[in-house]
Amino acid sequence: MKLSARIILYHLRQKYKVTASPDLSADPCLEYPLLWTPGEAFQPGRIYLTDCPDAISAAGELTDTLLLISCPSAFLSGAAKTSHLCILEEGTSLQEALAFLQAVFFRYSSWNQELFQLMLEQPSVQKILEQAKEVIPNPMMVIGLDFTVIASRDYGYSQLQDSVLGATEETQALINSLKYDENYTEAVNYTGYFLYPGNQLVPPSLCVNISPFGTPAYRFHIFSGEMPLDDTFGFLAQYLAGMISRVMSLKSASQRPASHPLHQIFHTLLTDPKADYVEISRQLTENRWLSSHTYQCALIRTSPSDRKNRTLKSICTYVENTIPASCALEHREDIVVYINLDLCPLTLDECFQKLAFFVRDSMLIAGYSRKMLGHFNFHRQYVQAFASIQTGSRINPTSWIHHFNDIALPYMLEQITRSLPAYMTCHERLLQLKYQDQDGSSQLYQTLRCYLENQQSATKTAAALFIHRSTLLYRLEKIQKFLRSDLSSPEEQLYLLLSFHLMEQEDQRKR
């Protein structure tokens, strides 16, 4: 296996005092070292050791050769600037240095042979990381761009292998720090190795994007450790990433385990309008989600950042790990969550609280349906949760949690006006009263609304409007004459109240 001048320098400095140019090549172009004798021609791609100062001029400007020289400093004035030269401390045994470098080459060559042998066995990515420890002791990780952990070795967080970053409260903050980190997200288009500088929660790492199917899907990280995070080991990072890509091109390790049949069941229920609900009920029963159980649906609206960084899978995994007896799946760029309240050891309020903290910290929005009994309301619950977000976000755009019970009336009003606008469905005489009030100062429109909202109590209405009771009675008489109604009919009262809400909704839309 060929090595770079920078790797040679790194290993030499483990044992010797060495001076070298900062421009030493990072390209792996060097083979086993040789002792140089005066008059010998330099061959490209070799390492030469000598104590003869004439070697400097004899080597000329060869850039794909490394010259290691040990001689009195008087002969080396200005030589340290030479890009292919390393100066060993005077008196260094060349034979010992030669044996040392031969051992370095043998170590890498043996490791490379073992790696090739391992590849014949079609290993897991984890085995490749473990095998790489022989030459790169730093912690490593292969992670999907959706934050699925494919493999990890010696990383600071425990039990990450075959899991998802963000699957626990411990690592969810880590995900949030990455998906809003431009240094991390913009690196998706980088080729070759690059340095990720890290952030407050994630240490720096030497990275390579992996594209087993033509587009970047994973990232190989070498974290801070014994070896430096610079271009010294950049080509090794690329080399390992290439091996990992080969393994992953045969079998995608980022797929979620197929061991959770509920995912497929609910996917069918949400996407197939002709789904056989009897068959779905049977399948749910086989998975201990019974028709006698009560269920809750939540819809989590993902952010553009989540969709860009493909973090939906990590959100699903976090929810399922946080809320027992839950099933979370991706649907139309959102996350749909179903909770079996009979199997879940948490109360509904406890579930809501856990999800609320997560939604807030992740800068997401959630909508909740009502809890319902049985297997035949799942799609209706999804519609409720969806409506909660759509209507709730319009009414209260600063809130990140919306419950259907809180938006039920506005939702009903929106359905009323889907075919006809508000002014064509509300109480006709009330609409005329509103226009009349806008032209004058009779305040009859607001008086009527206050009167109806106070259950037709003259005392409460007068107090709310800060007017005398006799003034209120005078206004009510004029209102009844205008509407041609004594306001005693419950249907008339309901129609008037709904009309008030419809016109208020229409006014909000015009603003």
Protein backbone atom coordinates (compact mmCIF):
# COMPACT_ATOMS: atom_id res chain seq x y z
CA MET A 1 0.00 0.00 0.00
CA LYS A 2 1.34 3.42 -0.96
CA LEU A 3 1.55 6.14 1.70
CA SER A 4 1.82 9.91 1.63
CA ALA A 5 4.74 12.05 2.76
CA ARG A 6 2.56 13.57 5.46
CA ILE A 7 1.73 10.16 6.95
CA ILE A 8 5.44 9.26 6.89
CA LEU A 9 6.22 12.49 8.72
CA TYR A 10 3.48 11.78 11.29
CA HIS A 11 4.94 8.39 12.15
CA LEU A 12 8.52 9.62 12.14
CA ARG A 13 7.63 12.26 14.71
CA GLN A 14 6.37 9.51 17.02
CA LYS A 15 10.03 8.47 17.48
CA TYR A 16 12.37 11.09 16.00
CA LYS A 17 12.92 14.82 16.02
CA VAL A 18 12.14 15.87 12.44
CA THR A 19 12.07 19.19 10.59
CA ALA A 20 10.04 19.35 7.39
CA SER A 21 8.38 21.72 5.00
CA PRO A 22 4.66 22.40 5.61
CA ASP A 23 4.15 21.70 1.89
CA LEU A 24 4.76 17.97 2.11
CA SER A 25 2.39 16.09 -0.16
CA ALA A 26 -0.75 14.41 1.19
CA ASP A 27 -1.09 12.20 -1.91
CA PRO A 28 -0.42 8.48 -1.37
CA CYS A 29 2.36 7.97 -3.90
CA LEU A 30 5.29 6.56 -1.86
CA GLU A 31 6.46 2.96 -1.58
CA TYR A 32 8.98 1.18 0.70
CA PRO A 33 12.09 3.21 1.76
CA LEU A 34 15.66 2.75 0.52
CA LEU A 35 19.14 3.90 1.59
CA TRP A 36 20.63 6.33 -0.95
CA THR A 37 24.22 6.23 -2.01
CA PRO A 38 26.03 9.06 -3.85
CA GLY A 39 25.69 8.82 -7.62
CA GLU A 40 22.47 6.79 -7.49
CA ALA A 41 19.57 8.09 -9.59
CA PHE A 42 16.40 8.92 -7.76
CA GLN A 43 13.32 6.91 -8.73
CA PRO A 44 9.86 8.47 -8.44
CA GLY A 45 7.55 7.22 -5.73
CA ARG A 46 10.26 6.12 -3.30
CA ILE A 47 11.60 7.24 0.08
CA TYR A 48 15.33 7.70 0.39
CA LEU A 49 17.40 7.94 3.56
CA THR A 50 20.91 9.39 3.53
CA ASP A 51 23.48 11.32 5.52
CA CYS A 52 25.03 12.87 2.41
CA PRO A 53 24.12 16.56 1.85
CA ASP A 54 24.74 16.14 -1.90
CA ALA A 55 21.46 14.24 -2.05
CA ILE A 56 19.53 17.51 -1.86
CA SER A 57 20.86 18.83 -5.15
CA ALA A 58 20.82 15.36 -6.72
CA ALA A 59 17.11 14.97 -5.99
CA GLY A 60 16.37 18.28 -7.68
CA GLU A 61 12.70 19.26 -7.65
CA LEU A 62 11.15 15.81 -7.61
CA THR A 63 7.75 16.16 -5.98
CA ASP A 64 6.81 12.48 -5.86
CA THR A 65 9.92 11.48 -3.90
CA LEU A 66 10.64 11.90 -0.21
CA LEU A 67 14.19 12.48 0.97
CA LEU A 68 15.10 11.83 4.60
CA ILE A 69 18.50 13.25 5.46
CA SER A 70 20.59 13.28 8.62
CA CYS A 71 23.78 15.34 8.50
CA PRO A 72 25.37 18.36 10.20
CA SER A 73 23.11 21.42 10.15
CA ALA A 74 25.85 23.49 8.49
CA PHE A 75 25.15 21.66 5.24
CA LEU A 76 21.41 22.25 5.39
CA SER A 77 21.06 26.03 5.34
CA GLY A 78 17.68 26.82 3.73
CA ALA A 79 17.07 23.20 2.78
CA ALA A 80 14.10 22.78 5.11
CA LYS A 81 11.97 24.75 2.68
CA THR A 82 12.30 22.01 0.08
CA SER A 83 8.84 20.44 -0.35
CA HIS A 84 10.08 16.83 -0.56
CA LEU A 85 12.66 16.95 2.26
CA CYS A 86 12.58 15.85 5.89
CA ILE A 87 15.60 16.61 8.09
CA LEU A 88 16.35 14.07 10.78
CA GLU A 89 18.20 15.08 13.90
CA GLU A 90 21.99 14.84 13.41
CA GLY A 91 23.30 11.47 14.54
CA THR A 92 20.09 9.57 13.80
CA SER A 93 20.84 5.98 12.85
CA LEU A 94 19.71 5.57 9.25
CA GLN A 95 19.55 1.80 9.62
CA GLU A 96 17.21 2.13 12.58
CA ALA A 97 15.10 4.75 10.78
CA LEU A 98 14.94 2.49 7.73
CA ALA A 99 13.78 -0.44 9.84
CA PHE A 100 11.22 1.80 11.54
CA LEU A 101 9.73 2.97 8.23
CA GLN A 102 9.71 -0.56 6.85
CA ALA A 103 7.67 -1.57 9.87
CA VAL A 104 5.25 1.31 9.20
CA PHE A 105 4.80 0.18 5.59
CA PHE A 106 4.37 -3.43 6.67
CA ARG A 107 1.72 -2.38 9.17
CA TYR A 108 -0.33 -0.55 6.53
CA SER A 109 0.21 -3.26 3.93
CA SER A 110 -0.95 -5.98 6.34
CA TRP A 111 -3.95 -3.91 7.33
CA ASN A 112 -4.85 -3.38 3.67
CA GLN A 113 -4.63 -7.10 2.95
CA GLU A 114 -6.84 -7.85 5.93
CA LEU A 115 -9.32 -5.27 4.70
CA PHE A 116 -9.48 -6.86 1.26
CA GLN A 117 -9.93 -10.27 2.85
CA LEU A 118 -12.73 -8.85 4.94
CA MET A 119 -14.43 -7.38 1.88
CA LEU A 120 -14.64 -10.84 0.34
CA GLU A 121 -16.86 -11.83 3.26
CA GLN A 122 -19.33 -9.00 2.50
CA PRO A 123 -18.92 -7.54 5.99
CA SER A 124 -21.11 -5.13 7.87
CA VAL A 125 -20.06 -1.49 8.01
CA GLN A 126 -19.45 -1.99 11.71
CA LYS A 127 -16.82 -4.65 11.00
CA ILE A 128 -15.02 -2.29 8.63
CA LEU A 129 -14.86 0.39 11.34
CA GLU A 130 -13.56 -2.11 13.86
CA GLN A 131 -10.92 -3.33 11.43
CA ALA A 132 -9.85 0.27 10.69
CA LYS A 133 -8.89 0.78 14.32
CA GLU A 134 -5.56 -0.83 13.53
CA VAL A 135 -4.43 2.22 11.57
CA ILE A 136 -6.86 4.95 12.73
CA PRO A 137 -7.58 4.72 16.48
CA ASN A 138 -9.84 7.82 16.50
CA PRO A 139 -13.58 7.37 17.14
CA MET A 140 -15.56 6.81 13.93
CA MET A 141 -19.14 6.85 12.77
CA VAL A 142 -21.08 6.28 9.57
CA ILE A 143 -24.34 8.17 9.66
CA GLY A 144 -27.11 8.67 7.13
CA LEU A 145 -27.94 12.19 6.06
CA ASP A 146 -31.27 11.42 7.74
CA PHE A 147 -29.26 10.83 10.94
CA THR A 148 -29.66 7.08 10.92
CA VAL A 149 -26.58 5.63 12.58
CA ILE A 150 -25.24 2.87 10.36
CA ALA A 151 -22.22 2.05 12.51
CA SER A 152 -20.16 3.65 15.25
CA ARG A 153 -16.95 2.90 17.10
CA ASP A 154 -15.73 4.48 20.33
CA TYR A 155 -18.10 7.42 19.96
CA GLY A 156 -19.11 9.35 23.04
CA TYR A 157 -22.79 8.40 23.00
CA SER A 158 -23.61 4.85 23.95
CA GLN A 159 -25.70 2.38 22.01
CA LEU A 160 -25.83 4.33 18.77
CA GLN A 161 -25.22 1.45 16.42
CA ASP A 162 -28.32 0.36 14.51
CA SER A 163 -30.23 3.33 15.91
CA VAL A 164 -30.99 6.89 14.98
CA LEU A 165 -29.38 10.01 16.33
CA GLY A 166 -32.19 11.87 18.02
CA ALA A 167 -33.88 8.64 19.05
CA THR A 168 -33.45 9.67 22.66
CA GLU A 169 -33.72 12.91 24.57
CA GLU A 170 -29.94 12.77 24.99
CA THR A 171 -29.27 12.90 21.28
CA GLN A 172 -32.23 14.93 20.03
CA ALA A 173 -30.46 18.17 20.94
CA LEU A 174 -27.50 16.91 18.94
CA ILE A 175 -29.69 16.52 15.84
CA ASN A 176 -31.13 19.99 16.20
CA SER A 177 -27.62 21.41 16.44
CA LEU A 178 -26.66 19.70 13.18
CA LYS A 179 -29.71 20.36 11.03
CA TYR A 180 -29.46 24.12 11.66
CA ASP A 181 -25.67 24.17 11.24
CA GLU A 182 -24.81 25.53 7.79
CA ASN A 183 -21.32 24.04 7.98
CA TYR A 184 -22.90 20.61 8.29
CA THR A 185 -25.85 20.90 5.90
CA GLU A 186 -24.00 22.63 3.07
CA ALA A 187 -21.32 19.91 3.09
CA VAL A 188 -23.76 17.50 1.41
CA ASN A 189 -22.40 18.56 -1.98
CA TYR A 190 -18.71 18.23 -1.05
CA THR A 191 -16.53 15.68 -2.79
CA GLY A 192 -13.39 14.18 -1.30
CA TYR A 193 -12.54 14.59 2.37
CA PHE A 194 -13.30 17.75 4.30
CA LEU A 195 -13.12 19.03 7.86
CA TYR A 196 -16.34 19.68 9.73
CA PRO A 197 -15.44 22.20 12.47
CA GLY A 198 -18.10 20.93 14.89
CA ASN A 199 -20.38 22.93 17.15
CA GLN A 200 -21.19 23.18 20.85
CA LEU A 201 -22.55 19.61 20.97
CA VAL A 202 -20.71 17.83 18.17
CA PRO A 203 -16.90 17.52 18.09
CA PRO A 204 -14.89 18.33 14.94
CA SER A 205 -14.47 15.51 12.47
CA LEU A 206 -12.77 14.57 9.23
CA CYS A 207 -15.60 13.64 6.88
CA VAL A 208 -16.30 12.01 3.53
CA ASN A 209 -19.72 11.89 1.91
CA ILE A 210 -20.75 8.43 0.72
CA SER A 211 -22.86 8.00 -2.42
CA PRO A 212 -23.47 4.27 -2.97
CA PHE A 213 -26.38 5.00 -5.32
CA GLY A 214 -25.05 8.07 -7.12
CA THR A 215 -26.19 10.78 -4.71
CA PRO A 216 -24.87 11.55 -1.20
CA ALA A 217 -26.79 9.49 1.34
CA TYR A 218 -24.32 8.90 4.19
CA ARG A 219 -21.36 10.57 5.86
CA PHE A 220 -18.23 8.97 7.27
CA HIS A 221 -16.85 10.76 10.35
CA ILE A 222 -13.44 10.43 11.97
CA PHE A 223 -13.60 12.38 15.23
CA SER A 224 -10.91 14.03 17.30
CA GLY A 225 -8.49 11.62 18.86
CA GLU A 226 -4.94 10.41 18.76
CA MET A 227 -4.42 11.27 15.10
CA PRO A 228 -4.77 14.81 13.74
CA LEU A 229 -7.86 15.95 11.80
CA ASP A 230 -6.13 17.35 8.75
CA ASP A 231 -5.14 16.15 5.32
CA THR A 232 -2.56 13.77 6.83
CA PHE A 233 -5.13 11.00 6.95
CA GLY A 234 -7.51 12.46 4.38
CA PHE A 235 -6.74 9.86 1.73
CA LEU A 236 -7.25 7.04 4.25
CA ALA A 237 -10.66 8.50 5.11
CA GLN A 238 -11.53 8.50 1.40
CA TYR A 239 -10.17 4.98 1.02
CA LEU A 240 -12.32 3.63 3.86
CA ALA A 241 -15.35 5.57 2.63
CA GLY A 242 -14.95 3.87 -0.75
CA MET A 243 -14.92 0.44 0.90
CA ILE A 244 -17.99 1.34 2.94
CA SER A 245 -19.76 2.55 -0.20
CA ARG A 246 -19.12 -0.81 -1.88
CA VAL A 247 -20.67 -2.64 1.04
CA MET A 248 -23.67 -0.34 1.15
CA SER A 249 -24.26 -0.49 -2.58
CA LEU A 250 -24.96 -4.21 -2.17
CA LYS A 251 -27.36 -3.70 0.67
CA SER A 252 -28.76 -0.43 1.92
CA ALA A 253 -28.17 -0.28 5.66
CA SER A 254 -30.26 2.85 6.09
CA GLN A 255 -33.63 1.15 5.64
CA ARG A 256 -35.78 1.00 8.70
CA PRO A 257 -36.22 -2.50 10.06
CA ALA A 258 -39.15 -4.33 8.52
CA SER A 259 -39.91 -5.87 11.89
CA HIS A 260 -42.57 -3.26 12.70
CA PRO A 261 -45.65 -4.33 10.68
CA LEU A 262 -47.70 -1.42 12.05
CA HIS A 263 -45.80 0.94 9.74
CA GLN A 264 -47.07 -0.86 6.64
CA ILE A 265 -50.58 -1.19 8.02
CA PHE A 266 -50.96 2.51 8.68
CA HIS A 267 -49.21 3.41 5.43
CA THR A 268 -51.85 1.43 3.56
CA LEU A 269 -54.63 3.01 5.59
CA LEU A 270 -53.41 6.55 4.84
CA THR A 271 -52.52 6.13 1.17
CA ASP A 272 -54.97 3.61 -0.28
CA PRO A 273 -58.52 5.00 -0.67
CA LYS A 274 -59.74 1.46 -1.46
CA ALA A 275 -58.12 -0.10 1.60
CA ASP A 276 -59.93 -3.09 3.06
CA TYR A 277 -60.71 -1.94 6.59
CA VAL A 278 -61.82 -5.40 7.66
CA GLU A 279 -58.42 -6.78 6.64
CA ILE A 280 -56.67 -3.84 8.33
CA SER A 281 -58.62 -4.53 11.51
CA ARG A 282 -57.56 -8.16 11.38
CA GLN A 283 -53.88 -7.22 10.94
CA LEU A 284 -54.03 -4.71 13.79
CA THR A 285 -55.59 -7.33 16.04
CA GLU A 286 -52.73 -9.73 15.22
CA ASN A 287 -50.38 -7.03 16.49
CA ARG A 288 -52.35 -6.62 19.74
CA TRP A 289 -53.91 -3.30 18.67
CA LEU A 290 -57.49 -4.33 19.38
CA SER A 291 -60.80 -2.86 18.23
CA SER A 292 -61.73 -2.41 21.89
CA HIS A 293 -58.77 -0.08 22.44
CA THR A 294 -58.81 3.72 22.35
CA TYR A 295 -56.45 5.60 20.04
CA GLN A 296 -55.00 9.07 19.65
CA CYS A 297 -53.60 10.59 16.45
CA ALA A 298 -51.00 13.35 16.24
CA LEU A 299 -49.67 15.05 13.12
CA ILE A 300 -46.22 16.66 13.27
CA ARG A 301 -45.60 19.26 10.55
CA THR A 302 -41.95 19.10 9.63
CA SER A 303 -39.83 22.13 8.81
CA PRO A 304 -38.08 22.86 5.48
CA SER A 305 -34.82 22.15 7.30
CA ASP A 306 -36.04 18.68 8.30
CA ARG A 307 -37.09 17.91 4.74
CA LYS A 308 -33.83 19.27 3.33
CA ASN A 309 -31.72 17.24 5.77
CA ARG A 310 -33.97 14.20 5.60
CA THR A 311 -34.46 14.01 9.36
CA LEU A 312 -38.02 12.64 9.20
CA LYS A 313 -36.80 9.14 10.03
CA SER A 314 -35.07 10.38 13.17
CA ILE A 315 -38.28 12.11 14.26
CA CYS A 316 -40.25 8.88 13.82
CA THR A 317 -37.72 6.91 15.82
CA TYR A 318 -37.60 9.50 18.61
CA VAL A 319 -41.39 9.51 18.96
CA GLU A 320 -41.61 5.71 19.06
CA ASN A 321 -38.83 5.54 21.65
CA THR A 322 -40.38 8.29 23.76
CA ILE A 323 -44.05 7.29 23.58
CA PRO A 324 -44.60 3.57 24.29
CA ALA A 325 -47.23 1.77 22.19
CA SER A 326 -46.94 4.34 19.39
CA CYS A 327 -46.45 4.05 15.65
CA ALA A 328 -44.87 6.98 13.78
CA LEU A 329 -44.56 7.08 10.01
CA GLU A 330 -43.76 9.54 7.25
CA HIS A 331 -46.71 10.75 5.17
CA ARG A 332 -46.69 13.62 2.67
CA GLU A 333 -43.58 15.16 4.28
CA ASP A 334 -45.29 15.10 7.69
CA ILE A 335 -45.10 12.65 10.58
CA VAL A 336 -48.30 10.82 11.53
CA VAL A 337 -48.35 9.29 15.00
CA TYR A 338 -50.90 6.83 16.34
CA ILE A 339 -50.90 6.02 20.05
CA ASN A 340 -52.66 3.02 21.58
CA LEU A 341 -53.86 4.55 24.83
CA ASP A 342 -54.78 1.16 26.31
CA LEU A 343 -51.29 -0.28 25.81
CA CYS A 344 -49.37 2.90 26.61
CA PRO A 345 -48.31 3.15 30.28
CA LEU A 346 -48.39 6.94 30.05
CA THR A 347 -51.51 9.04 30.45
CA LEU A 348 -52.68 11.07 27.50
CA ASP A 349 -51.53 14.27 29.23
CA GLU A 350 -48.09 12.77 29.78
CA CYS A 351 -47.89 11.83 26.09
CA PHE A 352 -48.92 15.35 25.11
CA GLN A 353 -46.33 16.85 27.45
CA LYS A 354 -43.47 14.73 26.07
CA LEU A 355 -44.42 15.54 22.49
CA ALA A 356 -44.88 19.23 23.31
CA PHE A 357 -41.32 19.56 24.62
CA PHE A 358 -39.95 17.78 21.57
CA VAL A 359 -42.02 19.83 19.10
CA ARG A 360 -41.02 23.08 20.79
CA ASP A 361 -37.30 22.28 21.00
CA SER A 362 -37.24 21.04 17.39
CA MET A 363 -39.17 24.10 16.12
CA LEU A 364 -41.98 22.00 14.67
CA ILE A 365 -45.80 22.21 14.78
CA ALA A 366 -48.18 19.49 15.97
CA GLY A 367 -51.90 18.93 15.65
CA TYR A 368 -53.93 16.50 17.76
CA SER A 369 -57.16 14.71 16.97
CA ARG A 370 -59.72 13.62 19.51
CA LYS A 371 -59.21 10.19 21.06
CA MET A 372 -61.47 7.60 19.48
CA LEU A 373 -62.46 3.99 20.02
CA GLY A 374 -61.82 1.17 17.57
CA HIS A 375 -60.23 0.52 14.18
CA PHE A 376 -62.52 2.42 11.84
CA ASN A 377 -61.71 5.97 12.84
CA PHE A 378 -57.98 6.14 12.09
CA HIS A 379 -58.36 8.07 8.86
CA ARG A 380 -60.91 10.42 10.46
CA GLN A 381 -58.43 11.04 13.28
CA TYR A 382 -55.78 11.90 10.71
CA VAL A 383 -58.19 14.39 9.09
CA GLN A 384 -58.84 15.95 12.51
CA ALA A 385 -55.14 16.26 13.28
CA PHE A 386 -54.49 17.74 9.84
CA ALA A 387 -57.34 20.23 10.30
CA SER A 388 -55.96 21.16 13.71
CA ILE A 389 -52.70 22.30 12.15
CA GLN A 390 -54.26 23.98 9.10
CA THR A 391 -56.90 25.94 10.99
CA GLY A 392 -54.94 26.36 14.22
CA SER A 393 -51.89 27.82 12.47
CA ARG A 394 -54.09 30.40 10.78
CA ILE A 395 -55.92 31.41 13.97
CA ASN A 396 -52.90 31.28 16.27
CA PRO A 397 -49.72 31.32 14.16
CA THR A 398 -47.40 31.67 17.18
CA SER A 399 -48.51 28.39 18.78
CA TRP A 400 -46.73 25.11 18.04
CA ILE A 401 -49.48 22.82 19.46
CA HIS A 402 -53.07 22.72 18.18
CA HIS A 403 -55.91 20.55 19.49
CA PHE A 404 -58.96 19.78 17.39
CA ASN A 405 -61.32 20.69 20.23
CA ASP A 406 -59.87 24.21 20.18
CA ILE A 407 -60.47 24.74 16.47
CA ALA A 408 -63.65 22.70 15.95
CA LEU A 409 -65.93 25.72 15.56
CA PRO A 410 -63.65 27.65 13.15
CA TYR A 411 -63.22 24.42 11.19
CA MET A 412 -67.02 23.99 10.95
CA LEU A 413 -67.35 27.57 9.76
CA GLU A 414 -64.70 27.01 7.10
CA GLN A 415 -66.63 23.99 5.83
CA ILE A 416 -69.80 26.07 5.63
CA THR A 417 -68.10 28.63 3.39
CA ARG A 418 -66.33 26.15 1.08
CA SER A 419 -69.12 26.40 -1.52
CA LEU A 420 -70.63 29.79 -0.72
CA PRO A 421 -69.00 32.88 0.83
CA ALA A 422 -70.03 34.00 4.30
CA TYR A 423 -72.24 36.88 3.14
CA MET A 424 -74.36 34.40 1.15
CA THR A 425 -74.91 31.95 4.02
CA CYS A 426 -75.29 34.16 7.09
CA HIS A 427 -78.55 35.73 8.36
CA GLU A 428 -79.69 38.18 5.67
CA ARG A 429 -81.30 40.79 8.00
CA LEU A 430 -78.27 40.59 10.32
CA LEU A 431 -76.00 41.38 7.37
CA GLN A 432 -78.14 44.44 6.60
CA LEU A 433 -77.94 45.46 10.27
CA LYS A 434 -74.15 45.27 10.11
CA TYR A 435 -74.00 47.50 7.05
CA GLN A 436 -76.42 49.93 8.66
CA ASP A 437 -74.25 50.16 11.77
CA GLN A 438 -71.16 50.83 9.65
CA ASP A 439 -72.91 53.88 8.16
CA GLY A 440 -74.07 55.26 11.53
CA SER A 441 -73.45 54.90 15.23
CA SER A 442 -76.44 52.90 16.43
CA GLN A 443 -74.23 50.05 17.77
CA LEU A 444 -77.16 47.66 17.29
CA TYR A 445 -74.98 44.97 15.68
CA GLN A 446 -72.59 44.66 18.60
CA THR A 447 -75.42 45.01 21.10
CA LEU A 448 -77.21 42.00 19.62
CA ARG A 449 -74.07 39.90 19.65
CA CYS A 450 -73.35 40.75 23.27
CA TYR A 451 -76.97 40.00 24.19
CA LEU A 452 -76.89 36.54 22.58
CA GLU A 453 -73.46 35.66 24.00
CA ASN A 454 -74.76 36.52 27.50
CA GLN A 455 -77.68 34.08 27.15
CA GLN A 456 -80.15 36.98 26.64
CA SER A 457 -79.54 38.35 30.13
CA ALA A 458 -80.33 42.08 30.08
CA THR A 459 -78.41 42.69 33.32
CA LYS A 460 -75.17 41.02 32.11
CA THR A 461 -75.42 42.61 28.67
CA ALA A 462 -75.91 46.13 30.03
CA ALA A 463 -72.94 45.67 32.37
CA ALA A 464 -70.75 44.35 29.56
CA LEU A 465 -71.64 47.28 27.28
CA PHE A 466 -71.41 49.89 30.10
CA ILE A 467 -74.90 51.22 29.32
CA HIS A 468 -78.08 51.67 31.35
CA ARG A 469 -80.64 48.87 31.33
CA SER A 470 -83.28 51.15 29.77
CA THR A 471 -80.87 52.01 26.94
CA LEU A 472 -80.33 48.31 26.30
CA LEU A 473 -84.08 47.59 26.23
CA TYR A 474 -84.60 50.46 23.77
CA ARG A 475 -81.92 49.02 21.47
CA LEU A 476 -83.33 45.50 21.70
CA GLU A 477 -86.75 46.77 20.66
CA LYS A 478 -85.24 48.41 17.57
CA ILE A 479 -83.26 45.23 16.78
CA GLN A 480 -86.35 43.02 16.99
CA LYS A 481 -88.26 45.32 14.67
CA PHE A 482 -85.38 45.38 12.18
CA LEU A 483 -84.87 41.60 12.22
CA ARG A 484 -88.64 40.98 12.32
CA SER A 485 -87.99 38.49 15.12
CA ASP A 486 -88.63 38.36 18.85
CA LEU A 487 -85.41 36.31 19.30
CA SER A 488 -87.24 33.62 21.23
CA SER A 489 -86.58 30.76 18.79
CA PRO A 490 -83.52 28.61 19.67
CA GLU A 491 -82.92 27.99 15.96
CA GLU A 492 -83.02 31.73 15.30
CA GLN A 493 -80.53 32.36 18.14
CA LEU A 494 -78.15 29.66 16.83
CA TYR A 495 -78.36 30.97 13.26
CA LEU A 496 -77.61 34.51 14.42
CA LEU A 497 -74.61 33.42 16.52
CA LEU A 498 -73.21 31.34 13.66
CA SER A 499 -73.68 34.30 11.35
CA PHE A 500 -71.70 36.53 13.69
CA HIS A 501 -68.84 34.03 13.62
CA LEU A 502 -69.02 33.67 9.83
CA MET A 503 -68.79 37.41 9.29
CA GLU A 504 -65.97 37.71 11.82
CA GLN A 505 -64.08 35.00 9.97
CA GLU A 506 -64.67 36.83 6.68
CA ASP A 507 -63.35 40.08 8.19
CA GLN A 508 -60.19 38.28 9.38
CA ARG A 509 -59.52 36.96 5.89
CA LYS A 510 -59.78 40.48 4.41
CA ARG A 511 -57.15 41.87 6.82
